[in-house]
Amino acid sequence: MTTAPAERKAMPGTEMDSLDALIDRACRSLAMPTIRDRFSEIAEASLRQQASYKTFLLELLEAEVENRDERRRTRLVRDAKFRRPKRIEDFNFSVNPNIPQEVVNTLTEPAWVTAGRPLCLIGDSGTGKTHLLIGIGTAIAEAGLKVRYTTTANLVNELSEAANEKQLTRVYARYDKVDLLCLDEFGYVELDKVGAKLLFQLFTDREERRAIAIATNAPFSEWPKTFTDQRLCRAVVDRMTFNGTIIETGSESYRAQSTQARLLEQRERDTVDDGTQTA
């Protein structure tokens, strides 16, 4: 029969302090901060519940694993370098019925990322593309995969500078370690031939191996404005649509609607205030 851990109060204070110090030292050496912080609390709870030694040990280890997983999720989200925090849970699907909630919810699961499939979010400014891009990216990072968020202009600048410094292979290799590349503001600026080829090479290197998600205000028919080389443009469209998911967010700006609603509410308040003062 397994018994509960011996009661700490039965031991002299100096001996208990010494044991606590040894446990603290061992936890630091093994990099187990949660056990170091919580072993006294969990030991006392185990005594009250008359838990076995194995149950006590399991609870300690589960607490450490849970905290370690949480720290890793936090680190992966931080390393993604999102422009601002956004979550899919906070997205108001009722405001934009063009966006299929069921499809978006499946994209918060990592299967499409591990399969190396692309995602295109296409729509006008203010329709929720960036929120979706960051929210989906955040969910994927919290699932334990490596994510990187950047804008198209920043990425092309980074690749161009690396090419000038003869560091392009190193930069491509760094992005190759990223499971999901979230590329915002795609198609906002016209790329020169060098920049377009550098970006195309990154797309080609990731094809069917590493996922790319882009947010763009330009439909496919306008992509030649970004990639002035027609053959290059067709190749990029082909890579971003093959086995991919395409979500069109429409043209009605949520921000514009919110601004109009706020102005209308302000006018109504002003009218009420004027009427009160006149009375």
C-alpha atoms as a PDB file:
ATOM      1  CA  MET A   1       0.000   0.000   0.000  1.00  0.00           C
ATOM      2  CA  THR A   2       1.320   3.457  -0.971  1.00  0.00           C
ATOM      3  CA  THR A   3       1.166   6.105   1.730  1.00  0.00           C
ATOM      4  CA  ALA A   4       0.925   9.877   1.545  1.00  0.00           C
ATOM      5  CA  PRO A   5       4.006  12.053   1.894  1.00  0.00           C
ATOM      6  CA  ALA A   6       5.133  12.473   5.484  1.00  0.00           C
ATOM      7  CA  GLU A   7       3.780  15.586   7.223  1.00  0.00           C
ATOM      8  CA  ARG A   8       6.226  18.443   7.105  1.00  0.00           C
ATOM      9  CA  LYS A   9       5.208  19.766  10.529  1.00  0.00           C
ATOM     10  CA  ALA A  10       6.595  16.617  12.125  1.00  0.00           C
ATOM     11  CA  MET A  11      10.104  17.672  11.173  1.00  0.00           C
ATOM     12  CA  PRO A  12      12.198  20.303  12.987  1.00  0.00           C
ATOM     13  CA  GLY A  13      12.151  23.733  11.382  1.00  0.00           C
ATOM     14  CA  THR A  14      15.851  23.826  10.575  1.00  0.00           C
ATOM     15  CA  GLU A  15      15.722  20.421   8.886  1.00  0.00           C
ATOM     16  CA  MET A  16      12.678  21.458   6.867  1.00  0.00           C
ATOM     17  CA  ASP A  17      14.381  24.671   5.808  1.00  0.00           C
ATOM     18  CA  SER A  18      17.381  22.636   4.697  1.00  0.00           C
ATOM     19  CA  LEU A  19      15.181  20.276   2.660  1.00  0.00           C
ATOM     20  CA  ASP A  20      13.401  23.207   1.052  1.00  0.00           C
ATOM     21  CA  ALA A  21      16.732  24.699   0.111  1.00  0.00           C
ATOM     22  CA  LEU A  22      17.891  21.422  -1.430  1.00  0.00           C
ATOM     23  CA  ILE A  23      14.642  21.066  -3.397  1.00  0.00           C
ATOM     24  CA  ASP A  24      14.961  24.653  -4.590  1.00  0.00           C
ATOM     25  CA  ARG A  25      18.540  24.052  -5.713  1.00  0.00           C
ATOM     26  CA  ALA A  26      17.618  20.825  -7.534  1.00  0.00           C
ATOM     27  CA  CYS A  27      14.701  22.504  -9.320  1.00  0.00           C
ATOM     28  CA  ARG A  28      16.935  25.338 -10.459  1.00  0.00           C
ATOM     29  CA  SER A  29      19.521  22.870 -11.719  1.00  0.00           C
ATOM     30  CA  LEU A  30      16.861  20.922 -13.644  1.00  0.00           C
ATOM     31  CA  ALA A  31      15.155  24.106 -14.907  1.00  0.00           C
ATOM     32  CA  MET A  32      11.821  23.305 -13.235  1.00  0.00           C
ATOM     33  CA  PRO A  33      10.575  26.694 -12.012  1.00  0.00           C
ATOM     34  CA  THR A  34       6.959  25.601 -11.517  1.00  0.00           C
ATOM     35  CA  ILE A  35       7.876  22.725  -9.219  1.00  0.00           C
ATOM     36  CA  ARG A  36      10.234  25.051  -7.360  1.00  0.00           C
ATOM     37  CA  ASP A  37       7.456  27.586  -6.831  1.00  0.00           C
ATOM     38  CA  ARG A  38       4.616  25.175  -6.079  1.00  0.00           C
ATOM     39  CA  PHE A  39       6.022  22.050  -4.396  1.00  0.00           C
ATOM     40  CA  SER A  40       5.109  23.246  -0.881  1.00  0.00           C
ATOM     41  CA  GLU A  41       1.549  24.142  -1.945  1.00  0.00           C
ATOM     42  CA  ILE A  42       1.033  20.832  -3.753  1.00  0.00           C
ATOM     43  CA  ALA A  43       2.604  18.831  -0.908  1.00  0.00           C
ATOM     44  CA  GLU A  44       0.252  20.393   1.631  1.00  0.00           C
ATOM     45  CA  ALA A  45      -2.768  19.736  -0.610  1.00  0.00           C
ATOM     46  CA  SER A  46      -1.655  16.096  -1.030  1.00  0.00           C
ATOM     47  CA  LEU A  47      -1.453  15.694   2.741  1.00  0.00           C
ATOM     48  CA  ARG A  48      -4.981  17.017   3.217  1.00  0.00           C
ATOM     49  CA  GLN A  49      -6.282  14.679   0.515  1.00  0.00           C
ATOM     50  CA  GLN A  50      -4.167  11.748   1.754  1.00  0.00           C
ATOM     51  CA  ALA A  51      -2.851  11.300  -1.764  1.00  0.00           C
ATOM     52  CA  SER A  52      -0.262   8.656  -2.594  1.00  0.00           C
ATOM     53  CA  TYR A  53       3.351   9.479  -3.382  1.00  0.00           C
ATOM     54  CA  LYS A  54       2.722   8.699  -7.051  1.00  0.00           C
ATOM     55  CA  THR A  55      -0.286  11.019  -7.172  1.00  0.00           C
ATOM     56  CA  PHE A  56       1.760  13.766  -5.511  1.00  0.00           C
ATOM     57  CA  LEU A  57       4.596  13.285  -8.024  1.00  0.00           C
ATOM     58  CA  LEU A  58       2.186  13.230 -10.970  1.00  0.00           C
ATOM     59  CA  GLU A  59       0.572  16.504  -9.873  1.00  0.00           C
ATOM     60  CA  LEU A  60       3.983  18.144  -9.571  1.00  0.00           C
ATOM     61  CA  LEU A  61       5.020  16.980 -13.042  1.00  0.00           C
ATOM     62  CA  GLU A  62       1.682  17.949 -14.629  1.00  0.00           C
ATOM     63  CA  ALA A  63       1.969  21.455 -13.183  1.00  0.00           C
ATOM     64  CA  GLU A  64       5.478  21.799 -14.639  1.00  0.00           C
ATOM     65  CA  VAL A  65       4.432  20.473 -18.069  1.00  0.00           C
ATOM     66  CA  GLU A  66       1.365  22.744 -18.222  1.00  0.00           C
ATOM     67  CA  ASN A  67       3.373  25.828 -17.304  1.00  0.00           C
ATOM     68  CA  ARG A  68       6.138  24.910 -19.740  1.00  0.00           C
ATOM     69  CA  ASP A  69       3.604  24.506 -22.554  1.00  0.00           C
ATOM     70  CA  GLU A  70       2.096  27.891 -21.711  1.00  0.00           C
ATOM     71  CA  ARG A  71       5.506  29.564 -21.748  1.00  0.00           C
ATOM     72  CA  ARG A  72       6.281  27.975 -25.119  1.00  0.00           C
ATOM     73  CA  ARG A  73       2.982  29.180 -26.593  1.00  0.00           C
ATOM     74  CA  THR A  74       3.666  32.685 -25.320  1.00  0.00           C
ATOM     75  CA  ARG A  75       7.176  32.618 -26.788  1.00  0.00           C
ATOM     76  CA  LEU A  76       5.963  31.387 -30.191  1.00  0.00           C
ATOM     77  CA  VAL A  77       3.347  34.159 -30.390  1.00  0.00           C
ATOM     78  CA  ARG A  78       5.957  36.750 -29.383  1.00  0.00           C
ATOM     79  CA  ASP A  79       8.467  35.435 -31.928  1.00  0.00           C
ATOM     80  CA  ALA A  80       5.863  35.721 -34.707  1.00  0.00           C
ATOM     81  CA  LYS A  81       6.192  39.526 -34.413  1.00  0.00           C
ATOM     82  CA  PHE A  82       2.545  40.290 -35.067  1.00  0.00           C
ATOM     83  CA  ARG A  83       1.825  43.974 -35.642  1.00  0.00           C
ATOM     84  CA  ARG A  84      -0.839  43.962 -32.901  1.00  0.00           C
ATOM     85  CA  PRO A  85      -2.628  41.290 -30.850  1.00  0.00           C
ATOM     86  CA  LYS A  86      -5.685  39.836 -32.600  1.00  0.00           C
ATOM     87  CA  ARG A  87      -7.637  36.672 -31.917  1.00  0.00           C
ATOM     88  CA  ILE A  88     -10.220  34.840 -34.007  1.00  0.00           C
ATOM     89  CA  GLU A  89     -12.451  34.636 -30.927  1.00  0.00           C
ATOM     90  CA  ASP A  90     -12.751  38.426 -31.045  1.00  0.00           C
ATOM     91  CA  PHE A  91     -13.698  38.617 -34.726  1.00  0.00           C
ATOM     92  CA  ASN A  92     -17.292  39.737 -35.316  1.00  0.00           C
ATOM     93  CA  PHE A  93     -18.511  37.480 -38.118  1.00  0.00           C
ATOM     94  CA  SER A  94     -21.998  38.990 -38.004  1.00  0.00           C
ATOM     95  CA  VAL A  95     -20.609  42.302 -39.296  1.00  0.00           C
ATOM     96  CA  ASN A  96     -19.199  40.698 -42.443  1.00  0.00           C
ATOM     97  CA  PRO A  97     -21.373  37.806 -43.700  1.00  0.00           C
ATOM     98  CA  ASN A  98     -18.981  37.299 -46.646  1.00  0.00           C
ATOM     99  CA  ILE A  99     -16.536  35.513 -44.350  1.00  0.00           C
ATOM    100  CA  PRO A 100     -17.388  31.829 -43.704  1.00  0.00           C
ATOM    101  CA  GLN A 101     -16.915  31.260 -39.978  1.00  0.00           C
ATOM    102  CA  GLU A 102     -16.792  27.470 -40.353  1.00  0.00           C
ATOM    103  CA  VAL A 103     -13.897  27.714 -42.820  1.00  0.00           C
ATOM    104  CA  VAL A 104     -12.008  30.200 -40.639  1.00  0.00           C
ATOM    105  CA  ASN A 105     -12.415  27.943 -37.602  1.00  0.00           C
ATOM    106  CA  THR A 106     -10.821  25.042 -39.482  1.00  0.00           C
ATOM    107  CA  LEU A 107      -7.870  27.311 -40.311  1.00  0.00           C
ATOM    108  CA  THR A 108      -7.092  27.748 -36.601  1.00  0.00           C
ATOM    109  CA  GLU A 109      -6.124  24.056 -36.584  1.00  0.00           C
ATOM    110  CA  PRO A 110      -2.591  23.253 -37.831  1.00  0.00           C
ATOM    111  CA  ALA A 111      -3.444  20.532 -40.391  1.00  0.00           C
ATOM    112  CA  TRP A 112      -3.362  22.871 -43.418  1.00  0.00           C
ATOM    113  CA  VAL A 113      -0.084  24.375 -42.219  1.00  0.00           C
ATOM    114  CA  THR A 114       1.648  21.047 -41.750  1.00  0.00           C
ATOM    115  CA  ALA A 115       0.428  20.092 -45.237  1.00  0.00           C
ATOM    116  CA  GLY A 116       2.101  23.224 -46.670  1.00  0.00           C
ATOM    117  CA  ARG A 117      -1.094  24.671 -48.164  1.00  0.00           C
ATOM    118  CA  PRO A 118      -1.554  28.379 -49.014  1.00  0.00           C
ATOM    119  CA  LEU A 119      -4.240  30.784 -47.791  1.00  0.00           C
ATOM    120  CA  CYS A 120      -5.398  33.947 -49.598  1.00  0.00           C
ATOM    121  CA  LEU A 121      -7.491  36.601 -47.847  1.00  0.00           C
ATOM    122  CA  ILE A 122      -8.738  38.998 -50.522  1.00  0.00           C
ATOM    123  CA  GLY A 123     -10.790  42.131 -49.961  1.00  0.00           C
ATOM    124  CA  ASP A 124     -10.849  45.887 -49.646  1.00  0.00           C
ATOM    125  CA  SER A 125      -9.339  47.830 -46.775  1.00  0.00           C
ATOM    126  CA  GLY A 126     -11.238  47.585 -43.501  1.00  0.00           C
ATOM    127  CA  THR A 127     -12.949  44.261 -44.234  1.00  0.00           C
ATOM    128  CA  GLY A 128     -11.080  42.228 -41.611  1.00  0.00           C
ATOM    129  CA  LYS A 129      -8.212  40.690 -43.580  1.00  0.00           C
ATOM    130  CA  THR A 130      -5.439  41.641 -41.172  1.00  0.00           C
ATOM    131  CA  HIS A 131      -7.506  40.599 -38.135  1.00  0.00           C
ATOM    132  CA  LEU A 132      -8.088  37.198 -39.730  1.00  0.00           C
ATOM    133  CA  LEU A 133      -4.435  36.867 -40.765  1.00  0.00           C
ATOM    134  CA  ILE A 134      -3.107  37.658 -37.289  1.00  0.00           C
ATOM    135  CA  GLY A 135      -5.852  35.723 -35.506  1.00  0.00           C
ATOM    136  CA  ILE A 136      -5.224  32.580 -37.552  1.00  0.00           C
ATOM    137  CA  GLY A 137      -1.462  33.010 -37.166  1.00  0.00           C
ATOM    138  CA  THR A 138      -1.830  33.384 -33.402  1.00  0.00           C
ATOM    139  CA  ALA A 139      -3.878  30.185 -33.174  1.00  0.00           C
ATOM    140  CA  ILE A 140      -1.269  28.292 -35.200  1.00  0.00           C
ATOM    141  CA  ALA A 141       1.549  29.601 -32.980  1.00  0.00           C
ATOM    142  CA  GLU A 142      -0.379  28.558 -29.875  1.00  0.00           C
ATOM    143  CA  ALA A 143      -0.740  25.108 -31.422  1.00  0.00           C
ATOM    144  CA  GLY A 144       3.047  24.841 -31.235  1.00  0.00           C
ATOM    145  CA  LEU A 145       4.174  25.777 -34.760  1.00  0.00           C
ATOM    146  CA  LYS A 146       6.591  28.525 -35.793  1.00  0.00           C
ATOM    147  CA  VAL A 147       4.895  31.545 -37.352  1.00  0.00           C
ATOM    148  CA  ARG A 148       6.290  34.778 -38.782  1.00  0.00           C
ATOM    149  CA  TYR A 149       4.259  37.870 -39.653  1.00  0.00           C
ATOM    150  CA  THR A 150       5.530  40.651 -41.905  1.00  0.00           C
ATOM    151  CA  THR A 151       4.383  42.959 -44.677  1.00  0.00           C
ATOM    152  CA  THR A 152       5.270  42.335 -48.296  1.00  0.00           C
ATOM    153  CA  ALA A 153       7.259  45.562 -48.515  1.00  0.00           C
ATOM    154  CA  ASN A 154       9.295  44.746 -45.407  1.00  0.00           C
ATOM    155  CA  LEU A 155       9.986  41.206 -46.584  1.00  0.00           C
ATOM    156  CA  VAL A 156      11.139  42.331 -50.038  1.00  0.00           C
ATOM    157  CA  ASN A 157      13.356  44.993 -48.455  1.00  0.00           C
ATOM    158  CA  GLU A 158      14.855  42.368 -46.159  1.00  0.00           C
ATOM    159  CA  LEU A 159      15.547  40.031 -49.087  1.00  0.00           C
ATOM    160  CA  SER A 160      17.018  42.838 -51.194  1.00  0.00           C
ATOM    161  CA  GLU A 161      19.368  43.928 -48.411  1.00  0.00           C
ATOM    162  CA  ALA A 162      20.412  40.315 -47.841  1.00  0.00           C
ATOM    163  CA  ALA A 163      21.148  39.921 -51.554  1.00  0.00           C
ATOM    164  CA  ASN A 164      23.296  43.057 -51.539  1.00  0.00           C
ATOM    165  CA  GLU A 165      25.215  41.782 -48.511  1.00  0.00           C
ATOM    166  CA  LYS A 166      25.526  38.269 -49.993  1.00  0.00           C
ATOM    167  CA  GLN A 167      23.470  36.883 -47.088  1.00  0.00           C
ATOM    168  CA  LEU A 168      20.463  35.762 -49.120  1.00  0.00           C
ATOM    169  CA  THR A 169      21.013  32.039 -48.564  1.00  0.00           C
ATOM    170  CA  ARG A 170      21.067  32.585 -44.804  1.00  0.00           C
ATOM    171  CA  VAL A 171      17.839  34.614 -44.857  1.00  0.00           C
ATOM    172  CA  TYR A 172      16.050  32.069 -47.054  1.00  0.00           C
ATOM    173  CA  ALA A 173      17.188  29.334 -44.663  1.00  0.00           C
ATOM    174  CA  ARG A 174      15.811  31.262 -41.695  1.00  0.00           C
ATOM    175  CA  TYR A 175      12.406  31.632 -43.321  1.00  0.00           C
ATOM    176  CA  ASP A 176      12.469  27.964 -44.294  1.00  0.00           C
ATOM    177  CA  LYS A 177      12.323  27.112 -40.588  1.00  0.00           C
ATOM    178  CA  VAL A 178       9.027  28.977 -40.268  1.00  0.00           C
ATOM    179  CA  ASP A 179       5.968  26.714 -40.553  1.00  0.00           C
ATOM    180  CA  LEU A 180       3.591  29.549 -41.494  1.00  0.00           C
ATOM    181  CA  LEU A 181       4.584  32.812 -43.150  1.00  0.00           C
ATOM    182  CA  CYS A 182       1.866  35.477 -42.737  1.00  0.00           C
ATOM    183  CA  LEU A 183       2.340  38.086 -45.441  1.00  0.00           C
ATOM    184  CA  ASP A 184       0.252  41.237 -45.022  1.00  0.00           C
ATOM    185  CA  GLU A 185      -0.376  44.110 -47.467  1.00  0.00           C
ATOM    186  CA  PHE A 186       0.343  41.945 -50.483  1.00  0.00           C
ATOM    187  CA  GLY A 187      -0.162  43.904 -53.705  1.00  0.00           C
ATOM    188  CA  TYR A 188      -0.085  47.335 -52.055  1.00  0.00           C
ATOM    189  CA  VAL A 189       3.139  48.329 -53.803  1.00  0.00           C
ATOM    190  CA  GLU A 190       4.600  47.594 -57.226  1.00  0.00           C
ATOM    191  CA  LEU A 191       7.734  45.484 -56.979  1.00  0.00           C
ATOM    192  CA  ASP A 192      10.743  46.014 -59.203  1.00  0.00           C
ATOM    193  CA  LYS A 193      12.029  43.033 -61.162  1.00  0.00           C
ATOM    194  CA  VAL A 194      14.701  42.156 -58.605  1.00  0.00           C
ATOM    195  CA  GLY A 195      12.322  42.320 -55.655  1.00  0.00           C
ATOM    196  CA  ALA A 196       9.663  40.323 -57.503  1.00  0.00           C
ATOM    197  CA  LYS A 197      12.148  37.562 -58.345  1.00  0.00           C
ATOM    198  CA  LEU A 198      13.423  37.399 -54.764  1.00  0.00           C
ATOM    199  CA  LEU A 199       9.885  37.056 -53.431  1.00  0.00           C
ATOM    200  CA  PHE A 200       9.020  34.493 -56.093  1.00  0.00           C
ATOM    201  CA  GLN A 201      12.047  32.416 -55.087  1.00  0.00           C
ATOM    202  CA  LEU A 202      10.850  32.364 -51.480  1.00  0.00           C
ATOM    203  CA  PHE A 203       7.378  31.265 -52.629  1.00  0.00           C
ATOM    204  CA  THR A 204       8.940  28.537 -54.764  1.00  0.00           C
ATOM    205  CA  ASP A 205      11.148  27.280 -51.932  1.00  0.00           C
ATOM    206  CA  ARG A 206       8.093  26.933 -49.654  1.00  0.00           C
ATOM    207  CA  GLU A 207       5.770  25.373 -52.245  1.00  0.00           C
ATOM    208  CA  GLU A 208       3.888  22.367 -50.816  1.00  0.00           C
ATOM    209  CA  ARG A 209       6.334  22.216 -47.881  1.00  0.00           C
ATOM    210  CA  ARG A 210       5.774  25.355 -45.817  1.00  0.00           C
ATOM    211  CA  ALA A 211       2.513  27.283 -45.665  1.00  0.00           C
ATOM    212  CA  ILE A 212       2.020  30.897 -46.725  1.00  0.00           C
ATOM    213  CA  ALA A 213      -0.977  33.057 -45.800  1.00  0.00           C
ATOM    214  CA  ILE A 214      -1.405  36.417 -47.516  1.00  0.00           C
ATOM    215  CA  ALA A 215      -3.796  39.324 -47.029  1.00  0.00           C
ATOM    216  CA  THR A 216      -4.316  41.452 -50.125  1.00  0.00           C
ATOM    217  CA  ASN A 217      -6.646  44.173 -51.372  1.00  0.00           C
ATOM    218  CA  ALA A 218      -5.969  43.178 -54.976  1.00  0.00           C
ATOM    219  CA  PRO A 219      -7.936  40.462 -56.813  1.00  0.00           C
ATOM    220  CA  PHE A 220      -5.869  38.034 -58.868  1.00  0.00           C
ATOM    221  CA  SER A 221      -6.602  40.041 -62.018  1.00  0.00           C
ATOM    222  CA  GLU A 222      -4.662  42.982 -60.539  1.00  0.00           C
ATOM    223  CA  TRP A 223      -1.603  41.021 -59.433  1.00  0.00           C
ATOM    224  CA  PRO A 224       0.276  41.915 -62.658  1.00  0.00           C
ATOM    225  CA  LYS A 225       0.541  45.435 -61.202  1.00  0.00           C
ATOM    226  CA  THR A 226       2.672  43.966 -58.414  1.00  0.00           C
ATOM    227  CA  PHE A 227       4.548  41.405 -60.515  1.00  0.00           C
ATOM    228  CA  THR A 228       5.135  43.239 -63.772  1.00  0.00           C
ATOM    229  CA  ASP A 229       6.572  40.105 -65.383  1.00  0.00           C
ATOM    230  CA  GLN A 230       3.463  38.285 -66.625  1.00  0.00           C
ATOM    231  CA  ARG A 231       5.007  34.809 -66.501  1.00  0.00           C
ATOM    232  CA  LEU A 232       6.236  35.431 -62.970  1.00  0.00           C
ATOM    233  CA  CYS A 233       2.800  36.690 -61.974  1.00  0.00           C
ATOM    234  CA  ARG A 234       1.062  33.592 -63.348  1.00  0.00           C
ATOM    235  CA  ALA A 235       3.517  31.371 -61.512  1.00  0.00           C
ATOM    236  CA  VAL A 236       2.879  33.172 -58.206  1.00  0.00           C
ATOM    237  CA  VAL A 237      -0.907  32.951 -58.655  1.00  0.00           C
ATOM    238  CA  ASP A 238      -0.521  29.248 -59.448  1.00  0.00           C
ATOM    239  CA  ARG A 239       1.466  28.629 -56.258  1.00  0.00           C
ATOM    240  CA  MET A 240      -0.937  30.609 -54.067  1.00  0.00           C
ATOM    241  CA  THR A 241      -4.080  28.893 -55.358  1.00  0.00           C
ATOM    242  CA  PHE A 242      -3.034  25.248 -55.829  1.00  0.00           C
ATOM    243  CA  ASN A 243      -4.659  23.211 -53.024  1.00  0.00           C
ATOM    244  CA  GLY A 244      -5.180  26.472 -51.176  1.00  0.00           C
ATOM    245  CA  THR A 245      -8.022  28.261 -49.405  1.00  0.00           C
ATOM    246  CA  ILE A 246      -9.356  31.539 -50.799  1.00  0.00           C
ATOM    247  CA  ILE A 247     -11.547  33.786 -48.664  1.00  0.00           C
ATOM    248  CA  GLU A 248     -13.017  36.948 -50.151  1.00  0.00           C
ATOM    249  CA  THR A 249     -13.806  39.479 -47.423  1.00  0.00           C
ATOM    250  CA  GLY A 250     -15.751  41.833 -49.692  1.00  0.00           C
ATOM    251  CA  SER A 251     -15.674  45.591 -50.137  1.00  0.00           C
ATOM    252  CA  GLU A 252     -17.677  47.076 -47.244  1.00  0.00           C
ATOM    253  CA  SER A 253     -15.282  48.526 -44.689  1.00  0.00           C
ATOM    254  CA  TYR A 254     -16.046  47.592 -41.089  1.00  0.00           C
ATOM    255  CA  ARG A 255     -14.004  50.577 -39.930  1.00  0.00           C
ATOM    256  CA  ALA A 256     -16.030  52.924 -42.131  1.00  0.00           C
ATOM    257  CA  GLN A 257     -19.279  51.452 -40.829  1.00  0.00           C
ATOM    258  CA  SER A 258     -18.090  51.840 -37.241  1.00  0.00           C
ATOM    259  CA  THR A 259     -17.070  55.447 -37.864  1.00  0.00           C
ATOM    260  CA  GLN A 260     -20.439  56.269 -39.457  1.00  0.00           C
ATOM    261  CA  ALA A 261     -22.313  54.615 -36.596  1.00  0.00           C
ATOM    262  CA  ARG A 262     -20.255  56.546 -34.047  1.00  0.00           C
ATOM    263  CA  LEU A 263     -20.859  59.860 -35.832  1.00  0.00           C
ATOM    264  CA  LEU A 264     -24.595  59.144 -36.037  1.00  0.00           C
ATOM    265  CA  GLU A 265     -24.684  58.327 -32.338  1.00  0.00           C
ATOM    266  CA  GLN A 266     -22.811  61.546 -31.565  1.00  0.00           C
ATOM    267  CA  ARG A 267     -25.253  63.607 -33.650  1.00  0.00           C
ATOM    268  CA  GLU A 268     -28.208  62.008 -31.859  1.00  0.00           C
ATOM    269  CA  ARG A 269     -26.653  62.820 -28.466  1.00  0.00           C
ATOM    270  CA  ASP A 270     -25.991  66.397 -29.566  1.00  0.00           C
ATOM    271  CA  THR A 271     -29.611  66.747 -30.735  1.00  0.00           C
ATOM    272  CA  VAL A 272     -30.898  65.468 -27.380  1.00  0.00           C
ATOM    273  CA  ASP A 273     -28.563  67.816 -25.498  1.00  0.00           C
ATOM    274  CA  ASP A 274     -29.701  70.807 -27.606  1.00  0.00           C
ATOM    275  CA  GLY A 275     -33.333  69.938 -27.004  1.00  0.00           C
ATOM    276  CA  THR A 276     -32.740  69.650 -23.248  1.00  0.00           C
ATOM    277  CA  GLN A 277     -30.995  73.002 -23.116  1.00  0.00           C
ATOM    278  CA  THR A 278     -33.777  74.697 -25.137  1.00  0.00           C
ATOM    279  CA  ALA A 279     -36.426  73.265 -22.850  1.00  0.00           C
END
